[in-house]
Amino acid sequence: MSTYSKTADSFRCDECGKPMAFPLFCDECGTDYPERRGMSAFGILGLPRTFEIEASEIERRELLLAQRLHPDRWQGRGDRLYKRALLAQSAVNEALGQVSDPFTRSSTLLDLQEDAVPHAQLPQAFLMEQLELQEEIEEGVESGRKRELKKAVRAELKSLRASLAEAWLTAADGDASALATVQELVDRSRYWKNAEVALRGQAPG
C-alpha cells in the first residue's frame, strides 16, 4: 500500500526542483520516477483515497494532467522523453478508469483494503433474473421494449449508486459488514452494467 502523499501537488522534481503535476514523471524536465509506480490510482491522480470525490474534482485533475502531460509537448526533444510522456499519459488514463466511476472507484478502494473483502454469493433469484435479461437482449427486442429496459437499467444503477454512497459512510471506518455490503453492491452493478452495454450495442428492433 502506498505511503506517498495523497496529493501530487506536494511532489517536487529532484532534478529541476519544479512542482510536479504527476508523481511518476516531471512535466518540466522529463525526469522519470519509476520507484513510484506502485502508487494507487488516487495517488497518481493527486486525489484523496476516499469514495467521496466530486466529479468536478476528477474532471479538474483530468484536464490539468491532460494539458501538462500531453506527448506533443515533447515532440522534438528525443524519443526517450516522448515515450516517457506517452507512458505517463497511459498511467493517467488507467488511473482515471479506476476512480472516475463510483463502482470502479469502490472496487479500487476495496482492493486497497489491508484485508481482502470476500465476494459473497449473490442471490440465485438475482442471477436468474440477469440471465433471463441477457438472453432477452441477445434475442433482440423491439424499440419500445428496448426503451423500457434501458430506463429500468438506469434506475437500478442509480439506486445502486445511492446505496453505495450510504454504505461507504460506514465502510470508510473499516467496518467489515459495511465493506461486505459495498462489495455486494459492486458485484450487482457489474451485471446491470453488462445489460446496459448490451442494450447500447443492440441494433434497433
N, C-alpha and C. Protein backbone atom coordinates (compact mmCIF):
# COMPACT_ATOMS: atom_id res chain seq x y z
N MET A 1 0.85 -1.20 0.00
CA MET A 1 0.00 0.00 0.00
C MET A 1 0.88 1.25 0.00
N SER A 2 0.53 2.21 -0.83
CA SER A 2 1.35 3.40 -0.96
C SER A 2 1.36 4.23 0.31
N THR A 3 2.53 4.73 0.66
CA THR A 3 2.65 5.64 1.80
C THR A 3 2.95 7.06 1.33
N TYR A 4 2.88 7.28 0.02
CA TYR A 4 3.15 8.61 -0.51
C TYR A 4 2.02 9.57 -0.16
N SER A 5 2.32 10.83 -0.32
CA SER A 5 1.34 11.88 -0.04
C SER A 5 0.08 11.67 -0.86
N LYS A 6 -1.05 12.09 -0.31
CA LYS A 6 -2.32 11.94 -1.00
C LYS A 6 -2.45 12.90 -2.18
N THR A 7 -1.68 13.95 -2.20
CA THR A 7 -1.78 14.91 -3.29
C THR A 7 -0.46 15.04 -4.02
N ALA A 8 -0.53 14.93 -5.33
CA ALA A 8 0.68 15.01 -6.13
C ALA A 8 1.27 16.41 -6.10
N ASP A 9 0.49 17.40 -5.68
CA ASP A 9 0.98 18.77 -5.65
C ASP A 9 2.19 18.93 -4.72
N SER A 10 2.38 18.01 -3.79
CA SER A 10 3.48 18.13 -2.84
C SER A 10 4.79 17.62 -3.42
N PHE A 11 4.78 16.98 -4.59
CA PHE A 11 6.00 16.44 -5.19
C PHE A 11 6.77 17.54 -5.91
N ARG A 12 8.08 17.50 -5.72
CA ARG A 12 8.98 18.37 -6.48
C ARG A 12 10.04 17.49 -7.13
N CYS A 13 10.42 17.86 -8.32
CA CYS A 13 11.41 17.07 -9.06
C CYS A 13 12.79 17.20 -8.40
N ASP A 14 13.46 16.08 -8.22
CA ASP A 14 14.80 16.10 -7.63
C ASP A 14 15.82 16.75 -8.57
N GLU A 15 15.54 16.74 -9.87
CA GLU A 15 16.49 17.26 -10.86
C GLU A 15 16.34 18.76 -11.07
N CYS A 16 15.12 19.23 -11.31
CA CYS A 16 14.93 20.65 -11.62
C CYS A 16 14.29 21.44 -10.48
N GLY A 17 13.76 20.73 -9.48
CA GLY A 17 13.17 21.41 -8.33
C GLY A 17 11.79 21.99 -8.56
N LYS A 18 11.23 21.78 -9.75
CA LYS A 18 9.91 22.34 -10.07
C LYS A 18 8.79 21.46 -9.49
N PRO A 19 7.63 22.06 -9.16
CA PRO A 19 6.47 21.28 -8.70
C PRO A 19 6.02 20.34 -9.82
N MET A 20 5.62 19.13 -9.43
CA MET A 20 5.19 18.13 -10.40
C MET A 20 3.68 17.93 -10.33
N ALA A 21 3.03 17.93 -11.49
CA ALA A 21 1.60 17.67 -11.53
C ALA A 21 1.31 16.19 -11.42
N PHE A 22 2.32 15.38 -11.71
CA PHE A 22 2.17 13.93 -11.81
C PHE A 22 3.39 13.30 -11.15
N PRO A 23 3.22 12.40 -10.17
CA PRO A 23 4.36 11.93 -9.37
C PRO A 23 5.33 10.99 -10.07
N LEU A 24 4.98 10.45 -11.23
CA LEU A 24 5.85 9.48 -11.89
C LEU A 24 6.76 10.09 -12.96
N PHE A 25 6.47 11.34 -13.35
CA PHE A 25 7.18 11.94 -14.48
C PHE A 25 7.12 13.46 -14.35
N CYS A 26 8.29 14.10 -14.39
CA CYS A 26 8.33 15.55 -14.29
C CYS A 26 7.98 16.17 -15.63
N ASP A 27 6.91 16.94 -15.65
CA ASP A 27 6.47 17.54 -16.91
C ASP A 27 7.25 18.80 -17.25
N GLU A 28 8.25 19.14 -16.42
CA GLU A 28 9.12 20.28 -16.71
C GLU A 28 10.42 19.84 -17.38
N CYS A 29 11.09 18.83 -16.79
CA CYS A 29 12.39 18.42 -17.34
C CYS A 29 12.40 17.00 -17.88
N GLY A 30 11.34 16.22 -17.62
CA GLY A 30 11.25 14.88 -18.17
C GLY A 30 11.86 13.78 -17.33
N THR A 31 12.24 14.08 -16.09
CA THR A 31 12.81 13.05 -15.22
C THR A 31 11.75 12.02 -14.85
N ASP A 32 12.14 10.76 -14.89
CA ASP A 32 11.23 9.66 -14.62
C ASP A 32 11.42 9.19 -13.19
N TYR A 33 10.33 8.76 -12.53
CA TYR A 33 10.39 8.25 -11.16
C TYR A 33 9.74 6.86 -11.09
N PRO A 34 10.42 5.85 -11.63
CA PRO A 34 9.83 4.50 -11.70
C PRO A 34 9.57 3.86 -10.34
N GLU A 35 10.27 4.31 -9.30
CA GLU A 35 10.07 3.71 -7.98
C GLU A 35 8.68 4.01 -7.42
N ARG A 36 7.97 4.94 -8.03
CA ARG A 36 6.64 5.31 -7.54
C ARG A 36 5.51 4.60 -8.30
N ARG A 37 5.86 3.67 -9.16
CA ARG A 37 4.82 3.04 -9.98
C ARG A 37 3.88 2.15 -9.19
N GLY A 38 4.22 1.88 -7.93
CA GLY A 38 3.33 1.09 -7.10
C GLY A 38 2.26 1.93 -6.40
N MET A 39 2.23 3.21 -6.70
CA MET A 39 1.23 4.09 -6.08
C MET A 39 -0.18 3.71 -6.54
N SER A 40 -1.15 4.01 -5.70
CA SER A 40 -2.53 3.75 -6.07
C SER A 40 -2.99 4.75 -7.13
N ALA A 41 -4.13 4.45 -7.74
CA ALA A 41 -4.70 5.35 -8.74
C ALA A 41 -4.98 6.72 -8.13
N PHE A 42 -5.36 6.74 -6.86
CA PHE A 42 -5.65 8.01 -6.19
C PHE A 42 -4.37 8.85 -6.04
N GLY A 43 -3.28 8.20 -5.65
CA GLY A 43 -2.02 8.89 -5.50
C GLY A 43 -1.50 9.42 -6.83
N ILE A 44 -1.64 8.62 -7.88
CA ILE A 44 -1.18 9.02 -9.21
C ILE A 44 -1.92 10.28 -9.68
N LEU A 45 -3.22 10.34 -9.37
CA LEU A 45 -4.03 11.47 -9.82
C LEU A 45 -4.00 12.64 -8.84
N GLY A 46 -3.38 12.43 -7.67
CA GLY A 46 -3.37 13.50 -6.68
C GLY A 46 -4.72 13.71 -6.04
N LEU A 47 -5.47 12.62 -5.85
CA LEU A 47 -6.79 12.69 -5.26
C LEU A 47 -6.80 11.96 -3.92
N PRO A 48 -7.64 12.37 -2.98
CA PRO A 48 -7.72 11.67 -1.69
C PRO A 48 -8.25 10.26 -1.89
N ARG A 49 -7.76 9.34 -1.10
CA ARG A 49 -8.18 7.94 -1.22
C ARG A 49 -9.49 7.74 -0.46
N THR A 50 -10.56 8.16 -1.10
CA THR A 50 -11.88 8.09 -0.48
C THR A 50 -12.93 7.95 -1.56
N PHE A 51 -14.10 7.44 -1.18
CA PHE A 51 -15.20 7.32 -2.14
C PHE A 51 -15.78 8.69 -2.46
N GLU A 52 -15.78 9.58 -1.47
CA GLU A 52 -16.45 10.87 -1.60
C GLU A 52 -15.59 11.89 -2.35
N ILE A 53 -15.52 11.72 -3.65
CA ILE A 53 -14.81 12.67 -4.51
C ILE A 53 -15.81 13.24 -5.50
N GLU A 54 -15.87 14.55 -5.58
CA GLU A 54 -16.78 15.19 -6.53
C GLU A 54 -16.32 14.94 -7.96
N ALA A 55 -17.29 14.72 -8.84
CA ALA A 55 -16.98 14.50 -10.26
C ALA A 55 -16.22 15.70 -10.82
N SER A 56 -16.54 16.89 -10.34
CA SER A 56 -15.87 18.11 -10.83
C SER A 56 -14.39 18.11 -10.46
N GLU A 57 -14.05 17.54 -9.31
CA GLU A 57 -12.65 17.48 -8.90
C GLU A 57 -11.87 16.50 -9.77
N ILE A 58 -12.48 15.38 -10.10
CA ILE A 58 -11.84 14.42 -11.00
C ILE A 58 -11.65 15.04 -12.38
N GLU A 59 -12.65 15.73 -12.86
CA GLU A 59 -12.56 16.39 -14.17
C GLU A 59 -11.47 17.46 -14.17
N ARG A 60 -11.36 18.20 -13.05
CA ARG A 60 -10.33 19.24 -12.96
C ARG A 60 -8.94 18.63 -13.05
N ARG A 61 -8.71 17.52 -12.33
CA ARG A 61 -7.41 16.86 -12.36
C ARG A 61 -7.14 16.27 -13.75
N GLU A 62 -8.17 15.71 -14.36
CA GLU A 62 -8.02 15.12 -15.69
C GLU A 62 -7.58 16.18 -16.70
N LEU A 63 -8.22 17.35 -16.65
CA LEU A 63 -7.89 18.43 -17.58
C LEU A 63 -6.47 18.93 -17.34
N LEU A 64 -6.11 19.12 -16.07
CA LEU A 64 -4.77 19.61 -15.75
C LEU A 64 -3.70 18.64 -16.24
N LEU A 65 -3.88 17.36 -15.96
CA LEU A 65 -2.88 16.36 -16.35
C LEU A 65 -2.83 16.20 -17.86
N ALA A 66 -3.98 16.30 -18.52
CA ALA A 66 -4.00 16.21 -19.98
C ALA A 66 -3.20 17.35 -20.61
N GLN A 67 -3.32 18.53 -20.03
CA GLN A 67 -2.60 19.69 -20.55
C GLN A 67 -1.09 19.58 -20.31
N ARG A 68 -0.72 19.20 -19.09
CA ARG A 68 0.69 19.21 -18.71
C ARG A 68 1.47 17.98 -19.17
N LEU A 69 0.77 16.88 -19.44
CA LEU A 69 1.46 15.66 -19.83
C LEU A 69 1.29 15.32 -21.30
N HIS A 70 0.65 16.19 -22.06
CA HIS A 70 0.38 15.85 -23.46
C HIS A 70 1.70 15.56 -24.20
N PRO A 71 1.79 14.39 -24.84
CA PRO A 71 3.03 14.00 -25.52
C PRO A 71 3.52 14.99 -26.56
N ASP A 72 2.61 15.76 -27.16
CA ASP A 72 3.02 16.72 -28.18
C ASP A 72 3.99 17.76 -27.63
N ARG A 73 3.93 17.99 -26.31
CA ARG A 73 4.87 18.95 -25.70
C ARG A 73 6.31 18.46 -25.80
N TRP A 74 6.45 17.16 -26.02
CA TRP A 74 7.80 16.57 -26.01
C TRP A 74 8.29 16.22 -27.41
N GLN A 75 7.51 16.61 -28.42
CA GLN A 75 7.96 16.41 -29.79
C GLN A 75 9.25 17.20 -30.03
N GLY A 76 10.20 16.57 -30.63
CA GLY A 76 11.47 17.23 -30.94
C GLY A 76 12.47 17.23 -29.80
N ARG A 77 12.13 16.60 -28.66
CA ARG A 77 13.06 16.57 -27.53
C ARG A 77 13.62 15.17 -27.31
N GLY A 78 13.48 14.33 -28.33
CA GLY A 78 14.06 12.99 -28.27
C GLY A 78 13.02 11.92 -28.03
N ASP A 79 13.28 10.76 -28.62
CA ASP A 79 12.33 9.65 -28.50
C ASP A 79 12.16 9.19 -27.05
N ARG A 80 13.22 9.25 -26.28
CA ARG A 80 13.15 8.76 -24.90
C ARG A 80 12.16 9.56 -24.07
N LEU A 81 12.26 10.90 -24.14
CA LEU A 81 11.34 11.74 -23.39
C LEU A 81 9.91 11.62 -23.93
N TYR A 82 9.79 11.50 -25.23
CA TYR A 82 8.47 11.35 -25.83
C TYR A 82 7.80 10.07 -25.34
N LYS A 83 8.55 8.98 -25.28
CA LYS A 83 8.00 7.70 -24.81
C LYS A 83 7.63 7.78 -23.33
N ARG A 84 8.44 8.51 -22.56
CA ARG A 84 8.11 8.68 -21.14
C ARG A 84 6.79 9.43 -20.98
N ALA A 85 6.59 10.45 -21.82
CA ALA A 85 5.35 11.21 -21.77
C ALA A 85 4.15 10.34 -22.16
N LEU A 86 4.34 9.48 -23.15
CA LEU A 86 3.28 8.56 -23.54
C LEU A 86 2.92 7.60 -22.41
N LEU A 87 3.96 7.10 -21.72
CA LEU A 87 3.72 6.19 -20.60
C LEU A 87 3.00 6.91 -19.46
N ALA A 88 3.39 8.16 -19.24
CA ALA A 88 2.74 8.95 -18.18
C ALA A 88 1.26 9.15 -18.51
N GLN A 89 0.98 9.51 -19.75
CA GLN A 89 -0.40 9.71 -20.18
C GLN A 89 -1.20 8.41 -20.04
N SER A 90 -0.58 7.28 -20.39
CA SER A 90 -1.24 5.99 -20.27
C SER A 90 -1.55 5.66 -18.81
N ALA A 91 -0.61 5.98 -17.91
CA ALA A 91 -0.82 5.74 -16.48
C ALA A 91 -1.98 6.58 -15.95
N VAL A 92 -2.06 7.82 -16.41
CA VAL A 92 -3.17 8.70 -16.00
C VAL A 92 -4.50 8.14 -16.47
N ASN A 93 -4.55 7.71 -17.73
CA ASN A 93 -5.80 7.17 -18.27
C ASN A 93 -6.24 5.91 -17.51
N GLU A 94 -5.27 5.07 -17.18
CA GLU A 94 -5.59 3.86 -16.42
C GLU A 94 -6.12 4.22 -15.03
N ALA A 95 -5.46 5.19 -14.39
CA ALA A 95 -5.90 5.61 -13.05
C ALA A 95 -7.29 6.23 -13.10
N LEU A 96 -7.57 7.03 -14.12
CA LEU A 96 -8.89 7.63 -14.27
C LEU A 96 -9.96 6.55 -14.41
N GLY A 97 -9.63 5.50 -15.15
CA GLY A 97 -10.56 4.40 -15.32
C GLY A 97 -10.89 3.70 -14.01
N GLN A 98 -9.98 3.81 -13.04
CA GLN A 98 -10.17 3.15 -11.75
C GLN A 98 -10.92 4.00 -10.73
N VAL A 99 -11.02 5.30 -10.97
CA VAL A 99 -11.65 6.16 -9.95
C VAL A 99 -12.80 7.01 -10.46
N SER A 100 -12.97 7.18 -11.76
CA SER A 100 -13.98 8.10 -12.28
C SER A 100 -15.40 7.65 -11.97
N ASP A 101 -15.67 6.37 -12.17
CA ASP A 101 -17.00 5.83 -11.94
C ASP A 101 -17.13 5.37 -10.49
N PRO A 102 -18.26 5.65 -9.83
CA PRO A 102 -18.41 5.27 -8.43
C PRO A 102 -18.21 3.78 -8.17
N PHE A 103 -18.60 2.93 -9.12
CA PHE A 103 -18.46 1.49 -8.92
C PHE A 103 -17.01 1.04 -9.06
N THR A 104 -16.30 1.54 -10.08
CA THR A 104 -14.89 1.17 -10.22
C THR A 104 -14.06 1.80 -9.11
N ARG A 105 -14.46 3.00 -8.66
CA ARG A 105 -13.76 3.63 -7.53
C ARG A 105 -13.91 2.77 -6.29
N SER A 106 -15.10 2.27 -6.08
CA SER A 106 -15.34 1.40 -4.92
C SER A 106 -14.52 0.12 -5.02
N SER A 107 -14.47 -0.46 -6.21
CA SER A 107 -13.68 -1.67 -6.41
C SER A 107 -12.20 -1.42 -6.13
N THR A 108 -11.71 -0.26 -6.58
CA THR A 108 -10.31 0.11 -6.35
C THR A 108 -10.04 0.28 -4.86
N LEU A 109 -10.97 0.94 -4.16
CA LEU A 109 -10.81 1.13 -2.72
C LEU A 109 -10.85 -0.21 -1.97
N LEU A 110 -11.69 -1.12 -2.41
CA LEU A 110 -11.76 -2.44 -1.78
C LEU A 110 -10.45 -3.19 -1.97
N ASP A 111 -9.85 -3.06 -3.15
CA ASP A 111 -8.57 -3.72 -3.42
C ASP A 111 -7.45 -3.16 -2.54
N LEU A 112 -7.61 -1.92 -2.07
CA LEU A 112 -6.58 -1.29 -1.24
C LEU A 112 -6.75 -1.60 0.25
N GLN A 113 -7.81 -2.32 0.60
CA GLN A 113 -8.00 -2.70 1.99
C GLN A 113 -6.90 -3.67 2.43
N GLU A 114 -6.46 -3.54 3.66
CA GLU A 114 -5.40 -4.41 4.17
C GLU A 114 -5.84 -5.87 4.16
N ASP A 115 -7.08 -6.12 4.49
CA ASP A 115 -7.62 -7.48 4.45
C ASP A 115 -8.59 -7.59 3.28
N ALA A 116 -8.45 -8.65 2.51
CA ALA A 116 -9.30 -8.84 1.35
C ALA A 116 -10.77 -8.94 1.77
N VAL A 117 -11.64 -8.29 1.01
CA VAL A 117 -13.07 -8.34 1.28
C VAL A 117 -13.67 -9.46 0.44
N PRO A 118 -14.28 -10.46 1.06
CA PRO A 118 -14.80 -11.60 0.31
C PRO A 118 -15.98 -11.24 -0.57
N HIS A 119 -16.10 -11.97 -1.68
CA HIS A 119 -17.25 -11.83 -2.57
C HIS A 119 -18.32 -12.82 -2.12
N ALA A 120 -19.40 -12.31 -1.55
CA ALA A 120 -20.49 -13.20 -1.15
C ALA A 120 -21.28 -13.63 -2.39
N GLN A 121 -21.82 -14.83 -2.35
CA GLN A 121 -22.62 -15.33 -3.47
C GLN A 121 -23.89 -14.50 -3.59
N LEU A 122 -24.12 -13.95 -4.76
CA LEU A 122 -25.34 -13.18 -4.97
C LEU A 122 -26.55 -14.12 -4.97
N PRO A 123 -27.72 -13.61 -4.56
CA PRO A 123 -28.91 -14.46 -4.53
C PRO A 123 -29.20 -15.12 -5.87
N GLN A 124 -29.62 -16.38 -5.82
CA GLN A 124 -29.90 -17.12 -7.04
C GLN A 124 -30.98 -16.45 -7.87
N ALA A 125 -31.97 -15.86 -7.19
CA ALA A 125 -33.05 -15.19 -7.91
C ALA A 125 -32.51 -14.03 -8.74
N PHE A 126 -31.56 -13.27 -8.18
CA PHE A 126 -30.97 -12.15 -8.90
C PHE A 126 -30.19 -12.65 -10.11
N LEU A 127 -29.41 -13.72 -9.94
CA LEU A 127 -28.61 -14.26 -11.03
C LEU A 127 -29.50 -14.78 -12.16
N MET A 128 -30.60 -15.43 -11.80
CA MET A 128 -31.53 -15.93 -12.81
C MET A 128 -32.18 -14.77 -13.55
N GLU A 129 -32.52 -13.73 -12.83
CA GLU A 129 -33.12 -12.54 -13.44
C GLU A 129 -32.17 -11.94 -14.47
N GLN A 130 -30.90 -11.85 -14.11
CA GLN A 130 -29.90 -11.27 -15.02
C GLN A 130 -29.66 -12.16 -16.23
N LEU A 131 -29.68 -13.48 -16.01
CA LEU A 131 -29.51 -14.41 -17.13
C LEU A 131 -30.65 -14.27 -18.12
N GLU A 132 -31.87 -14.18 -17.61
CA GLU A 132 -33.04 -14.03 -18.48
C GLU A 132 -33.00 -12.69 -19.22
N LEU A 133 -32.51 -11.64 -18.53
CA LEU A 133 -32.41 -10.33 -19.16
C LEU A 133 -31.41 -10.36 -20.31
N GLN A 134 -30.26 -10.96 -20.08
CA GLN A 134 -29.24 -11.06 -21.13
C GLN A 134 -29.75 -11.87 -22.31
N GLU A 135 -30.46 -12.94 -22.04
CA GLU A 135 -30.99 -13.78 -23.12
C GLU A 135 -32.02 -13.01 -23.94
N GLU A 136 -32.85 -12.23 -23.25
CA GLU A 136 -33.85 -11.43 -23.96
C GLU A 136 -33.17 -10.41 -24.86
N ILE A 137 -32.14 -9.76 -24.35
CA ILE A 137 -31.44 -8.74 -25.14
C ILE A 137 -30.75 -9.38 -26.34
N GLU A 138 -30.11 -10.53 -26.12
CA GLU A 138 -29.39 -11.21 -27.19
C GLU A 138 -30.34 -11.66 -28.30
N GLU A 139 -31.56 -12.03 -27.93
CA GLU A 139 -32.53 -12.48 -28.93
C GLU A 139 -33.08 -11.32 -29.74
N GLY A 140 -32.93 -10.10 -29.22
CA GLY A 140 -33.41 -8.91 -29.92
C GLY A 140 -34.74 -8.44 -29.37
N VAL A 141 -34.83 -7.14 -29.12
CA VAL A 141 -36.07 -6.57 -28.58
C VAL A 141 -36.51 -5.41 -29.45
N GLU A 142 -37.79 -5.21 -29.54
CA GLU A 142 -38.31 -4.11 -30.33
C GLU A 142 -38.00 -2.78 -29.65
N SER A 143 -38.11 -1.69 -30.40
CA SER A 143 -37.68 -0.38 -29.90
C SER A 143 -38.40 0.03 -28.62
N GLY A 144 -39.71 -0.24 -28.53
CA GLY A 144 -40.45 0.13 -27.34
C GLY A 144 -39.96 -0.61 -26.10
N ARG A 145 -39.75 -1.92 -26.25
CA ARG A 145 -39.24 -2.73 -25.15
C ARG A 145 -37.82 -2.33 -24.80
N LYS A 146 -37.04 -1.96 -25.79
CA LYS A 146 -35.66 -1.55 -25.56
C LYS A 146 -35.63 -0.28 -24.70
N ARG A 147 -36.49 0.68 -25.02
CA ARG A 147 -36.55 1.91 -24.22
C ARG A 147 -36.95 1.59 -22.78
N GLU A 148 -37.87 0.68 -22.65
CA GLU A 148 -38.34 0.26 -21.31
C GLU A 148 -37.20 -0.36 -20.51
N LEU A 149 -36.44 -1.23 -21.15
CA LEU A 149 -35.33 -1.92 -20.47
C LEU A 149 -34.22 -0.92 -20.11
N LYS A 150 -33.93 -0.01 -21.02
CA LYS A 150 -32.89 0.99 -20.74
C LYS A 150 -33.27 1.83 -19.53
N LYS A 151 -34.52 2.22 -19.47
CA LYS A 151 -35.00 3.02 -18.34
C LYS A 151 -34.88 2.23 -17.04
N ALA A 152 -35.24 0.95 -17.08
CA ALA A 152 -35.16 0.10 -15.89
C ALA A 152 -33.72 -0.08 -15.43
N VAL A 153 -32.82 -0.28 -16.38
CA VAL A 153 -31.40 -0.48 -16.04
C VAL A 153 -30.82 0.79 -15.43
N ARG A 154 -31.14 1.95 -16.02
CA ARG A 154 -30.66 3.22 -15.47
C ARG A 154 -31.17 3.42 -14.05
N ALA A 155 -32.41 3.06 -13.81
CA ALA A 155 -32.99 3.21 -12.48
C ALA A 155 -32.29 2.31 -11.47
N GLU A 156 -31.97 1.09 -11.88
CA GLU A 156 -31.28 0.15 -10.99
C GLU A 156 -29.88 0.67 -10.65
N LEU A 157 -29.17 1.17 -11.65
CA LEU A 157 -27.82 1.68 -11.41
C LEU A 157 -27.85 2.94 -10.54
N LYS A 158 -28.85 3.78 -10.74
CA LYS A 158 -29.00 4.97 -9.90
C LYS A 158 -29.24 4.57 -8.45
N SER A 159 -30.09 3.57 -8.25
CA SER A 159 -30.38 3.09 -6.90
C SER A 159 -29.14 2.49 -6.26
N LEU A 160 -28.37 1.74 -7.04
CA LEU A 160 -27.14 1.14 -6.52
C LEU A 160 -26.11 2.21 -6.14
N ARG A 161 -26.02 3.28 -6.93
CA ARG A 161 -25.09 4.37 -6.60
C ARG A 161 -25.46 5.01 -5.27
N ALA A 162 -26.76 5.22 -5.07
CA ALA A 162 -27.21 5.82 -3.82
C ALA A 162 -26.91 4.90 -2.64
N SER A 163 -27.15 3.62 -2.81
CA SER A 163 -26.86 2.65 -1.75
C SER A 163 -25.37 2.57 -1.48
N LEU A 164 -24.59 2.69 -2.53
CA LEU A 164 -23.13 2.63 -2.41
C LEU A 164 -22.62 3.80 -1.57
N ALA A 165 -23.10 4.99 -1.87
CA ALA A 165 -22.68 6.18 -1.12
C ALA A 165 -23.04 6.04 0.35
N GLU A 166 -24.20 5.49 0.62
CA GLU A 166 -24.64 5.30 2.01
C GLU A 166 -23.77 4.25 2.71
N ALA A 167 -23.46 3.16 2.01
CA ALA A 167 -22.66 2.09 2.60
C ALA A 167 -21.26 2.57 2.94
N TRP A 168 -20.69 3.45 2.09
CA TRP A 168 -19.33 3.93 2.33
C TRP A 168 -19.24 4.83 3.57
N LEU A 169 -20.35 5.42 3.98
CA LEU A 169 -20.32 6.25 5.18
C LEU A 169 -19.86 5.45 6.39
N THR A 170 -20.23 4.17 6.41
CA THR A 170 -19.82 3.28 7.49
C THR A 170 -18.55 2.52 7.13
N ALA A 171 -18.47 2.11 5.87
CA ALA A 171 -17.33 1.30 5.43
C ALA A 171 -16.02 2.06 5.49
N ALA A 172 -16.08 3.39 5.40
CA ALA A 172 -14.85 4.19 5.42
C ALA A 172 -14.09 4.01 6.73
N ASP A 173 -14.78 3.60 7.79
CA ASP A 173 -14.13 3.36 9.08
C ASP A 173 -13.60 1.95 9.21
N GLY A 174 -13.69 1.18 8.11
CA GLY A 174 -13.17 -0.18 8.13
C GLY A 174 -14.14 -1.21 8.66
N ASP A 175 -15.41 -0.85 8.79
CA ASP A 175 -16.42 -1.78 9.27
C ASP A 175 -16.55 -2.95 8.29
N ALA A 176 -16.28 -4.17 8.76
CA ALA A 176 -16.25 -5.34 7.89
C ALA A 176 -17.60 -5.61 7.24
N SER A 177 -18.67 -5.46 8.00
CA SER A 177 -20.00 -5.71 7.46
C SER A 177 -20.35 -4.70 6.37
N ALA A 178 -20.00 -3.43 6.59
CA ALA A 178 -20.27 -2.39 5.60
C ALA A 178 -19.43 -2.61 4.34
N LEU A 179 -18.18 -3.04 4.52
CA LEU A 179 -17.33 -3.32 3.36
C LEU A 179 -17.90 -4.48 2.54
N ALA A 180 -18.46 -5.48 3.24
CA ALA A 180 -19.08 -6.60 2.53
C ALA A 180 -20.30 -6.12 1.74
N THR A 181 -21.03 -5.16 2.30
CA THR A 181 -22.17 -4.58 1.59
C THR A 181 -21.72 -3.84 0.35
N VAL A 182 -20.64 -3.08 0.48
CA VAL A 182 -20.07 -2.37 -0.67
C VAL A 182 -19.69 -3.36 -1.76
N GLN A 183 -19.03 -4.45 -1.37
CA GLN A 183 -18.60 -5.45 -2.34
C GLN A 183 -19.80 -6.06 -3.06
N GLU A 184 -20.87 -6.34 -2.32
CA GLU A 184 -22.07 -6.92 -2.94
C GLU A 184 -22.69 -5.93 -3.94
N LEU A 185 -22.73 -4.65 -3.57
CA LEU A 185 -23.29 -3.64 -4.47
C LEU A 185 -22.45 -3.51 -5.75
N VAL A 186 -21.14 -3.58 -5.60
CA VAL A 186 -20.25 -3.53 -6.77
C VAL A 186 -20.49 -4.75 -7.66
N ASP A 187 -20.62 -5.93 -7.04
CA ASP A 187 -20.85 -7.15 -7.81
C ASP A 187 -22.18 -7.07 -8.57
N ARG A 188 -23.20 -6.55 -7.91
CA ARG A 188 -24.50 -6.40 -8.58
C ARG A 188 -24.41 -5.42 -9.74
N SER A 189 -23.64 -4.35 -9.54
CA SER A 189 -23.54 -3.32 -10.58
C SER A 189 -22.95 -3.87 -11.88
N ARG A 190 -22.06 -4.85 -11.75
CA ARG A 190 -21.42 -5.40 -12.96
C ARG A 190 -22.45 -6.04 -13.88
N TYR A 191 -23.43 -6.71 -13.30
CA TYR A 191 -24.46 -7.34 -14.11
C TYR A 191 -25.32 -6.29 -14.81
N TRP A 192 -25.71 -5.24 -14.05
CA TRP A 192 -26.53 -4.20 -14.66
C TRP A 192 -25.75 -3.42 -15.71
N LYS A 193 -24.45 -3.23 -15.49
CA LYS A 193 -23.64 -2.54 -16.48
C LYS A 193 -23.49 -3.39 -17.75
N ASN A 194 -23.38 -4.70 -17.58
CA ASN A 194 -23.32 -5.59 -18.74
C ASN A 194 -24.60 -5.47 -19.55
N ALA A 195 -25.73 -5.38 -18.86
CA ALA A 195 -27.01 -5.23 -19.56
C ALA A 195 -27.07 -3.88 -20.28
N GLU A 196 -26.55 -2.85 -19.63
CA GLU A 196 -26.53 -1.51 -20.22
C GLU A 196 -25.71 -1.51 -21.50
N VAL A 197 -24.55 -2.14 -21.45
CA VAL A 197 -23.68 -2.22 -22.63
C VAL A 197 -24.35 -3.02 -23.74
N ALA A 198 -24.99 -4.13 -23.36
CA ALA A 198 -25.65 -4.98 -24.35
C ALA A 198 -26.78 -4.22 -25.04
N LEU A 199 -27.54 -3.46 -24.28
CA LEU A 199 -28.64 -2.68 -24.85
C LEU A 199 -28.13 -1.58 -25.76
N ARG A 200 -27.01 -0.97 -25.37
CA ARG A 200 -26.43 0.10 -26.17
C ARG A 200 -25.92 -0.42 -27.51
N GLY A 201 -25.41 -1.64 -27.50
CA GLY A 201 -24.82 -2.21 -28.71
C GLY A 201 -25.81 -2.87 -29.63
N GLN A 202 -27.02 -3.10 -29.15
CA GLN A 202 -28.01 -3.80 -29.97
C GLN A 202 -28.64 -2.87 -30.99
N ALA A 203 -28.79 -3.36 -32.20
CA ALA A 203 -29.45 -2.57 -33.25
C ALA A 203 -30.92 -2.41 -32.91
N PRO A 204 -31.54 -1.30 -33.31
CA PRO A 204 -32.95 -1.10 -33.02
C PRO A 204 -33.79 -2.24 -33.58
N GLY A 205 -34.82 -2.65 -32.79
CA GLY A 205 -35.68 -3.74 -33.21
C GLY A 205 -36.74 -3.28 -34.20
